Amino acid sequence: MIERRAGVRIDPARLDFELGRRGISPRQFAELSGVNETTLSRARHGYRVRESTLRHIVAAMLRIPTMPGAELLLS
């Protein structure tokens, strides 16, 4: 029997990049997305999260507009 790991891993660098593009802090994003701050912090450090958490994060990313030109300043 193959053991499966629960959850999905979000690319931490990409998550931080997308927060930066939107000019929003992780704390603000957690509040707007409905994701617990601790859970968001774990995702930002490479830990797996539930698929439902991923859905909340994606939905919030789609609602929050990016700042034009912000990607020019982010690495």
N, C-alpha and C. Protein backbone atom coordinates (compact mmCIF):
# COMPACT_ATOMS: atom_id res chain seq x y z
N MET A 1 0.84 -1.18 0.00
CA MET A 1 0.00 0.00 0.00
C MET A 1 0.89 1.25 0.00
N ILE A 2 0.55 2.21 -0.84
CA ILE A 2 1.30 3.46 -0.93
C ILE A 2 0.72 4.47 0.05
N GLU A 3 1.59 5.04 0.87
CA GLU A 3 1.15 6.05 1.83
C GLU A 3 1.17 7.41 1.16
N ARG A 4 0.07 8.14 1.27
CA ARG A 4 -0.02 9.47 0.68
C ARG A 4 0.10 10.53 1.75
N ARG A 5 0.79 11.59 1.44
CA ARG A 5 0.86 12.72 2.34
C ARG A 5 -0.38 13.58 2.14
N ALA A 6 -0.92 14.05 3.21
CA ALA A 6 -2.10 14.90 3.13
C ALA A 6 -1.69 16.33 2.78
N GLY A 7 -2.49 16.99 1.99
CA GLY A 7 -2.28 18.40 1.71
C GLY A 7 -1.41 18.66 0.50
N VAL A 8 -1.23 19.94 0.26
CA VAL A 8 -0.43 20.40 -0.88
C VAL A 8 0.64 21.36 -0.38
N ARG A 9 1.73 21.44 -1.13
CA ARG A 9 2.81 22.35 -0.78
C ARG A 9 2.76 23.53 -1.74
N ILE A 10 2.70 24.72 -1.17
CA ILE A 10 2.71 25.95 -1.94
C ILE A 10 4.15 26.44 -2.01
N ASP A 11 4.57 26.92 -3.15
CA ASP A 11 5.92 27.46 -3.31
C ASP A 11 6.05 28.72 -2.43
N PRO A 12 6.85 28.65 -1.36
CA PRO A 12 6.95 29.78 -0.44
C PRO A 12 7.44 31.08 -1.10
N ALA A 13 8.42 30.96 -1.98
CA ALA A 13 8.95 32.15 -2.64
C ALA A 13 7.89 32.80 -3.52
N ARG A 14 7.12 31.99 -4.19
CA ARG A 14 6.07 32.53 -5.08
C ARG A 14 4.96 33.18 -4.26
N LEU A 15 4.61 32.56 -3.13
CA LEU A 15 3.58 33.13 -2.27
C LEU A 15 4.02 34.51 -1.76
N ASP A 16 5.26 34.61 -1.29
CA ASP A 16 5.77 35.90 -0.82
C ASP A 16 5.83 36.92 -1.97
N PHE A 17 6.22 36.46 -3.16
CA PHE A 17 6.28 37.34 -4.33
C PHE A 17 4.89 37.89 -4.64
N GLU A 18 3.88 37.02 -4.61
CA GLU A 18 2.51 37.45 -4.92
C GLU A 18 1.97 38.40 -3.85
N LEU A 19 2.34 38.20 -2.60
CA LEU A 19 1.93 39.14 -1.55
C LEU A 19 2.59 40.50 -1.81
N GLY A 20 3.87 40.48 -2.18
CA GLY A 20 4.58 41.71 -2.49
C GLY A 20 3.98 42.45 -3.67
N ARG A 21 3.60 41.71 -4.69
CA ARG A 21 2.98 42.32 -5.88
C ARG A 21 1.69 43.04 -5.54
N ARG A 22 1.04 42.58 -4.48
CA ARG A 22 -0.22 43.17 -4.05
C ARG A 22 -0.02 44.21 -2.94
N GLY A 23 1.21 44.34 -2.46
CA GLY A 23 1.50 45.32 -1.43
C GLY A 23 0.77 45.04 -0.13
N ILE A 24 0.68 43.77 0.21
CA ILE A 24 -0.09 43.37 1.40
C ILE A 24 0.79 42.53 2.32
N SER A 25 0.63 42.75 3.61
CA SER A 25 1.41 41.97 4.58
C SER A 25 0.76 40.60 4.77
N PRO A 26 1.55 39.65 5.23
CA PRO A 26 0.97 38.32 5.50
C PRO A 26 -0.18 38.40 6.51
N ARG A 27 -0.06 39.26 7.50
CA ARG A 27 -1.14 39.40 8.49
C ARG A 27 -2.42 39.90 7.84
N GLN A 28 -2.30 40.94 7.01
CA GLN A 28 -3.47 41.47 6.30
C GLN A 28 -4.06 40.42 5.37
N PHE A 29 -3.19 39.70 4.68
CA PHE A 29 -3.66 38.68 3.75
C PHE A 29 -4.40 37.56 4.47
N ALA A 30 -3.88 37.15 5.62
CA ALA A 30 -4.54 36.10 6.40
C ALA A 30 -5.95 36.54 6.76
N GLU A 31 -6.08 37.78 7.18
CA GLU A 31 -7.40 38.29 7.55
C GLU A 31 -8.35 38.34 6.36
N LEU A 32 -7.87 38.84 5.23
CA LEU A 32 -8.71 38.97 4.04
C LEU A 32 -9.06 37.62 3.42
N SER A 33 -8.16 36.66 3.55
CA SER A 33 -8.38 35.36 2.91
C SER A 33 -9.17 34.40 3.81
N GLY A 34 -9.24 34.71 5.10
CA GLY A 34 -9.92 33.81 6.02
C GLY A 34 -9.06 32.63 6.44
N VAL A 35 -7.76 32.73 6.18
CA VAL A 35 -6.82 31.68 6.55
C VAL A 35 -6.14 32.10 7.86
N ASN A 36 -6.05 31.20 8.79
CA ASN A 36 -5.41 31.47 10.07
C ASN A 36 -3.97 31.93 9.83
N GLU A 37 -3.51 32.92 10.60
CA GLU A 37 -2.14 33.43 10.44
C GLU A 37 -1.08 32.35 10.57
N THR A 38 -1.28 31.45 11.51
CA THR A 38 -0.32 30.36 11.72
C THR A 38 -0.27 29.45 10.49
N THR A 39 -1.43 29.15 9.93
CA THR A 39 -1.49 28.30 8.74
C THR A 39 -0.80 28.98 7.57
N LEU A 40 -1.04 30.27 7.41
CA LEU A 40 -0.39 31.01 6.32
C LEU A 40 1.13 31.04 6.53
N SER A 41 1.56 31.23 7.76
CA SER A 41 2.99 31.22 8.06
C SER A 41 3.60 29.86 7.73
N ARG A 42 2.91 28.80 8.05
CA ARG A 42 3.42 27.46 7.73
C ARG A 42 3.54 27.30 6.22
N ALA A 43 2.55 27.78 5.46
CA ALA A 43 2.61 27.70 4.00
C ALA A 43 3.80 28.50 3.48
N ARG A 44 4.06 29.67 4.10
CA ARG A 44 5.18 30.52 3.69
C ARG A 44 6.53 29.91 4.04
N HIS A 45 6.53 28.88 4.87
CA HIS A 45 7.77 28.21 5.24
C HIS A 45 7.87 26.81 4.63
N GLY A 46 7.00 26.51 3.66
CA GLY A 46 7.12 25.28 2.91
C GLY A 46 6.36 24.07 3.44
N TYR A 47 5.58 24.26 4.49
CA TYR A 47 4.80 23.13 5.00
C TYR A 47 3.55 22.91 4.16
N ARG A 48 3.07 21.71 4.17
CA ARG A 48 1.86 21.38 3.42
C ARG A 48 0.64 21.99 4.10
N VAL A 49 -0.36 22.34 3.27
CA VAL A 49 -1.63 22.85 3.77
C VAL A 49 -2.76 22.07 3.11
N ARG A 50 -3.93 22.16 3.69
CA ARG A 50 -5.10 21.49 3.11
C ARG A 50 -5.46 22.12 1.77
N GLU A 51 -6.13 21.34 0.96
CA GLU A 51 -6.59 21.86 -0.34
C GLU A 51 -7.58 23.00 -0.13
N SER A 52 -8.38 22.93 0.91
CA SER A 52 -9.34 24.01 1.18
C SER A 52 -8.60 25.31 1.51
N THR A 53 -7.46 25.22 2.18
CA THR A 53 -6.64 26.40 2.46
C THR A 53 -6.11 26.98 1.16
N LEU A 54 -5.64 26.12 0.28
CA LEU A 54 -5.17 26.57 -1.03
C LEU A 54 -6.28 27.31 -1.77
N ARG A 55 -7.49 26.78 -1.71
CA ARG A 55 -8.63 27.44 -2.38
C ARG A 55 -8.86 28.84 -1.81
N HIS A 56 -8.80 28.99 -0.50
CA HIS A 56 -8.98 30.30 0.14
C HIS A 56 -7.88 31.27 -0.30
N ILE A 57 -6.66 30.79 -0.35
CA ILE A 57 -5.53 31.63 -0.74
C ILE A 57 -5.68 32.08 -2.19
N VAL A 58 -6.01 31.16 -3.06
CA VAL A 58 -6.17 31.49 -4.49
C VAL A 58 -7.32 32.47 -4.68
N ALA A 59 -8.45 32.23 -4.02
CA ALA A 59 -9.61 33.12 -4.16
C ALA A 59 -9.25 34.54 -3.72
N ALA A 60 -8.52 34.65 -2.61
CA ALA A 60 -8.13 35.98 -2.12
C ALA A 60 -7.15 36.64 -3.08
N MET A 61 -6.20 35.87 -3.62
CA MET A 61 -5.24 36.43 -4.58
C MET A 61 -5.97 37.01 -5.79
N LEU A 62 -7.01 36.34 -6.22
CA LEU A 62 -7.76 36.81 -7.39
C LEU A 62 -8.57 38.06 -7.08
N ARG A 63 -8.95 38.25 -5.83
CA ARG A 63 -9.74 39.43 -5.43
C ARG A 63 -8.88 40.67 -5.21
N ILE A 64 -7.62 40.48 -4.81
CA ILE A 64 -6.76 41.61 -4.46
C ILE A 64 -5.94 42.01 -5.69
N PRO A 65 -6.11 43.23 -6.16
CA PRO A 65 -5.38 43.64 -7.37
C PRO A 65 -3.88 43.81 -7.10
N THR A 66 -3.10 43.63 -8.14
CA THR A 66 -1.66 43.84 -8.04
C THR A 66 -1.35 45.32 -8.19
N MET A 67 -0.22 45.73 -7.66
CA MET A 67 0.23 47.11 -7.82
C MET A 67 1.05 47.18 -9.11
N PRO A 68 0.66 48.02 -10.05
CA PRO A 68 1.41 48.12 -11.30
C PRO A 68 2.88 48.46 -11.04
N GLY A 69 3.76 47.68 -11.62
CA GLY A 69 5.19 47.91 -11.51
C GLY A 69 5.85 47.30 -10.28
N ALA A 70 5.07 46.75 -9.35
CA ALA A 70 5.66 46.20 -8.12
C ALA A 70 6.65 45.08 -8.42
N GLU A 71 6.37 44.30 -9.45
CA GLU A 71 7.27 43.17 -9.77
C GLU A 71 8.67 43.64 -10.19
N LEU A 72 8.79 44.89 -10.62
CA LEU A 72 10.09 45.44 -10.99
C LEU A 72 11.00 45.61 -9.78
N LEU A 73 10.41 45.71 -8.60
CA LEU A 73 11.18 45.94 -7.38
C LEU A 73 11.36 44.69 -6.54
N LEU A 74 10.67 43.62 -6.91
CA LEU A 74 10.72 42.39 -6.13
C LEU A 74 11.69 41.40 -6.77
N SER A 75 12.37 40.64 -5.92
CA SER A 75 13.28 39.62 -6.46
C SER A 75 12.76 38.24 -6.14
